[in-house]
Amino acid sequence: MGTRPDPEQVYLSYCTCPDLETAQALARTLVAEHLAACVNVLPGLISVYRWQARIETDAEVLLLMKTTQARVADLAARIDSLHPYEVPEVISHPITAGHPHYLDWVRQCTANTHR
């Protein structure tokens, strides 16, 4: 028997963007829409990846987004609707430990009651 998903579990989600302007606009939208409590924008990333049978190297900007399990699917869908990439990277991991007050703040900021 597996454990049941906890919609209040805090998650760290990642997304890469092609430039700082795109990253900042996406970050502001996600926080404004309560899909993420906080988004860290980290420029200076170099990504090496395979795309359409070629090895590519690009400068990108990384977003680190804090949300809850209940909001992960909506966060990914919103990124997909706004992102310029054909296949945007959206990866989410549960946070298994953290400052309790910070984790509660993430839950409060992303609660559906804000809609």
C-alpha atoms as a PDB file:
ATOM      1  CA  MET A   1       0.000   0.000   0.000  1.00  0.00           C
ATOM      2  CA  GLY A   2       1.280   3.417  -0.941  1.00  0.00           C
ATOM      3  CA  THR A   3       0.820   6.664   0.866  1.00  0.00           C
ATOM      4  CA  ARG A   4      -1.943   8.970  -0.215  1.00  0.00           C
ATOM      5  CA  PRO A   5      -0.974  12.276  -1.806  1.00  0.00           C
ATOM      6  CA  ASP A   6      -1.149  15.218   0.576  1.00  0.00           C
ATOM      7  CA  PRO A   7      -2.489  18.312  -1.216  1.00  0.00           C
ATOM      8  CA  GLU A   8      -0.833  20.491   1.449  1.00  0.00           C
ATOM      9  CA  GLN A   9       2.634  18.989   0.833  1.00  0.00           C
ATOM     10  CA  VAL A  10       4.984  21.786  -0.225  1.00  0.00           C
ATOM     11  CA  TYR A  11       6.789  21.275  -3.530  1.00  0.00           C
ATOM     12  CA  LEU A  12       9.760  22.862  -5.245  1.00  0.00           C
ATOM     13  CA  SER A  13       9.178  23.190  -8.971  1.00  0.00           C
ATOM     14  CA  TYR A  14      11.763  24.027 -11.624  1.00  0.00           C
ATOM     15  CA  CYS A  15      11.368  25.705 -14.994  1.00  0.00           C
ATOM     16  CA  THR A  16      13.895  27.070 -17.463  1.00  0.00           C
ATOM     17  CA  CYS A  17      13.261  30.176 -19.560  1.00  0.00           C
ATOM     18  CA  PRO A  18      15.031  31.580 -22.613  1.00  0.00           C
ATOM     19  CA  ASP A  19      15.756  35.008 -21.098  1.00  0.00           C
ATOM     20  CA  LEU A  20      15.401  37.209 -18.030  1.00  0.00           C
ATOM     21  CA  GLU A  21      12.375  39.131 -19.359  1.00  0.00           C
ATOM     22  CA  THR A  22      10.389  35.939 -19.945  1.00  0.00           C
ATOM     23  CA  ALA A  23      11.440  34.526 -16.564  1.00  0.00           C
ATOM     24  CA  GLN A  24      10.447  37.644 -14.621  1.00  0.00           C
ATOM     25  CA  ALA A  25       7.096  37.962 -16.384  1.00  0.00           C
ATOM     26  CA  LEU A  26       6.312  34.307 -15.739  1.00  0.00           C
ATOM     27  CA  ALA A  27       7.401  34.585 -12.090  1.00  0.00           C
ATOM     28  CA  ARG A  28       5.196  37.633 -11.481  1.00  0.00           C
ATOM     29  CA  THR A  29       2.180  35.954 -13.080  1.00  0.00           C
ATOM     30  CA  LEU A  30       2.575  32.734 -11.079  1.00  0.00           C
ATOM     31  CA  VAL A  31       2.851  34.606  -7.778  1.00  0.00           C
ATOM     32  CA  ALA A  32       0.008  37.010  -8.649  1.00  0.00           C
ATOM     33  CA  GLU A  33      -2.265  34.068  -9.475  1.00  0.00           C
ATOM     34  CA  HIS A  34      -1.362  32.231  -6.220  1.00  0.00           C
ATOM     35  CA  LEU A  35       0.118  29.316  -8.135  1.00  0.00           C
ATOM     36  CA  ALA A  36       3.463  29.875  -6.393  1.00  0.00           C
ATOM     37  CA  ALA A  37       4.247  31.561  -3.099  1.00  0.00           C
ATOM     38  CA  CYS A  38       7.711  32.593  -4.213  1.00  0.00           C
ATOM     39  CA  VAL A  39       9.745  32.287  -7.402  1.00  0.00           C
ATOM     40  CA  ASN A  40      13.516  32.665  -7.417  1.00  0.00           C
ATOM     41  CA  VAL A  41      14.881  33.851 -10.769  1.00  0.00           C
ATOM     42  CA  LEU A  42      18.416  32.584 -11.382  1.00  0.00           C
ATOM     43  CA  PRO A  43      20.108  33.912 -14.529  1.00  0.00           C
ATOM     44  CA  GLY A  44      23.378  32.559 -15.877  1.00  0.00           C
ATOM     45  CA  LEU A  45      22.342  28.953 -16.460  1.00  0.00           C
ATOM     46  CA  ILE A  46      23.902  27.060 -19.360  1.00  0.00           C
ATOM     47  CA  SER A  47      21.824  24.112 -20.565  1.00  0.00           C
ATOM     48  CA  VAL A  48      23.116  21.304 -22.751  1.00  0.00           C
ATOM     49  CA  TYR A  49      20.353  19.080 -24.108  1.00  0.00           C
ATOM     50  CA  ARG A  50      19.196  16.961 -27.015  1.00  0.00           C
ATOM     51  CA  TRP A  51      16.447  18.476 -29.175  1.00  0.00           C
ATOM     52  CA  GLN A  52      15.268  17.124 -32.522  1.00  0.00           C
ATOM     53  CA  ALA A  53      18.280  14.775 -32.815  1.00  0.00           C
ATOM     54  CA  ARG A  54      20.840  17.546 -32.158  1.00  0.00           C
ATOM     55  CA  ILE A  55      22.893  18.470 -29.120  1.00  0.00           C
ATOM     56  CA  GLU A  56      22.100  22.083 -28.208  1.00  0.00           C
ATOM     57  CA  THR A  57      23.747  24.504 -25.786  1.00  0.00           C
ATOM     58  CA  ASP A  58      21.832  27.598 -24.664  1.00  0.00           C
ATOM     59  CA  ALA A  59      21.968  30.276 -22.003  1.00  0.00           C
ATOM     60  CA  GLU A  60      18.801  30.092 -19.909  1.00  0.00           C
ATOM     61  CA  VAL A  61      17.272  31.450 -16.728  1.00  0.00           C
ATOM     62  CA  LEU A  62      16.115  29.025 -14.031  1.00  0.00           C
ATOM     63  CA  LEU A  63      12.938  29.526 -12.003  1.00  0.00           C
ATOM     64  CA  LEU A  64      12.661  27.866  -8.583  1.00  0.00           C
ATOM     65  CA  MET A  65       9.006  27.948  -7.564  1.00  0.00           C
ATOM     66  CA  LYS A  66       7.522  27.052  -4.183  1.00  0.00           C
ATOM     67  CA  THR A  67       3.969  25.716  -4.272  1.00  0.00           C
ATOM     68  CA  THR A  68       1.844  22.879  -2.912  1.00  0.00           C
ATOM     69  CA  GLN A  69       0.932  19.500  -4.347  1.00  0.00           C
ATOM     70  CA  ALA A  70      -2.617  20.803  -4.817  1.00  0.00           C
ATOM     71  CA  ARG A  71      -1.316  23.554  -7.135  1.00  0.00           C
ATOM     72  CA  VAL A  72       1.375  21.651  -9.082  1.00  0.00           C
ATOM     73  CA  ALA A  73      -0.899  20.679 -11.988  1.00  0.00           C
ATOM     74  CA  ASP A  74      -2.345  24.211 -12.288  1.00  0.00           C
ATOM     75  CA  LEU A  75       1.163  25.688 -12.089  1.00  0.00           C
ATOM     76  CA  ALA A  76       2.386  23.417 -14.889  1.00  0.00           C
ATOM     77  CA  ALA A  77      -0.669  24.159 -17.038  1.00  0.00           C
ATOM     78  CA  ARG A  78      -0.222  27.919 -16.597  1.00  0.00           C
ATOM     79  CA  ILE A  79       3.455  27.706 -17.484  1.00  0.00           C
ATOM     80  CA  ASP A  80       2.553  25.651 -20.556  1.00  0.00           C
ATOM     81  CA  SER A  81       0.042  28.310 -21.653  1.00  0.00           C
ATOM     82  CA  LEU A  82       2.491  31.222 -21.283  1.00  0.00           C
ATOM     83  CA  HIS A  83       5.899  29.738 -22.057  1.00  0.00           C
ATOM     84  CA  PRO A  84       7.535  30.341 -25.450  1.00  0.00           C
ATOM     85  CA  TYR A  85       9.102  26.854 -25.596  1.00  0.00           C
ATOM     86  CA  GLU A  86       7.271  24.099 -27.448  1.00  0.00           C
ATOM     87  CA  VAL A  87       7.976  21.792 -24.492  1.00  0.00           C
ATOM     88  CA  PRO A  88       8.735  23.811 -21.350  1.00  0.00           C
ATOM     89  CA  GLU A  89      10.620  22.103 -18.557  1.00  0.00           C
ATOM     90  CA  VAL A  90       8.435  21.815 -15.475  1.00  0.00           C
ATOM     91  CA  ILE A  91       9.704  19.413 -12.820  1.00  0.00           C
ATOM     92  CA  SER A  92       8.358  19.235  -9.268  1.00  0.00           C
ATOM     93  CA  HIS A  93       9.749  17.591  -6.149  1.00  0.00           C
ATOM     94  CA  PRO A  94       8.187  17.314  -2.689  1.00  0.00           C
ATOM     95  CA  ILE A  95       9.953  19.171   0.089  1.00  0.00           C
ATOM     96  CA  THR A  96      10.326  16.690   2.918  1.00  0.00           C
ATOM     97  CA  ALA A  97      11.734  19.088   5.522  1.00  0.00           C
ATOM     98  CA  GLY A  98      11.882  22.818   6.077  1.00  0.00           C
ATOM     99  CA  HIS A  99      11.181  25.636   8.481  1.00  0.00           C
ATOM    100  CA  PRO A 100       7.580  25.018   9.615  1.00  0.00           C
ATOM    101  CA  HIS A 101       6.617  28.698   9.442  1.00  0.00           C
ATOM    102  CA  TYR A 102       8.001  29.019   5.911  1.00  0.00           C
ATOM    103  CA  LEU A 103       6.162  25.904   4.749  1.00  0.00           C
ATOM    104  CA  ASP A 104       2.928  27.233   6.313  1.00  0.00           C
ATOM    105  CA  TRP A 105       3.481  30.548   4.506  1.00  0.00           C
ATOM    106  CA  VAL A 106       3.769  28.696   1.178  1.00  0.00           C
ATOM    107  CA  ARG A 107       0.502  26.887   1.934  1.00  0.00           C
ATOM    108  CA  GLN A 108      -1.263  30.155   2.824  1.00  0.00           C
ATOM    109  CA  CYS A 109      -0.030  31.974  -0.285  1.00  0.00           C
ATOM    110  CA  THR A 110      -1.125  29.197  -2.645  1.00  0.00           C
ATOM    111  CA  ALA A 111      -4.443  28.309  -1.026  1.00  0.00           C
ATOM    112  CA  ASN A 112      -7.421  28.184  -3.380  1.00  0.00           C
ATOM    113  CA  THR A 113      -9.225  30.651  -1.095  1.00  0.00           C
ATOM    114  CA  HIS A 114      -7.382  33.478  -2.896  1.00  0.00           C
ATOM    115  CA  ARG A 115      -9.328  32.965  -6.126  1.00  0.00           C
END
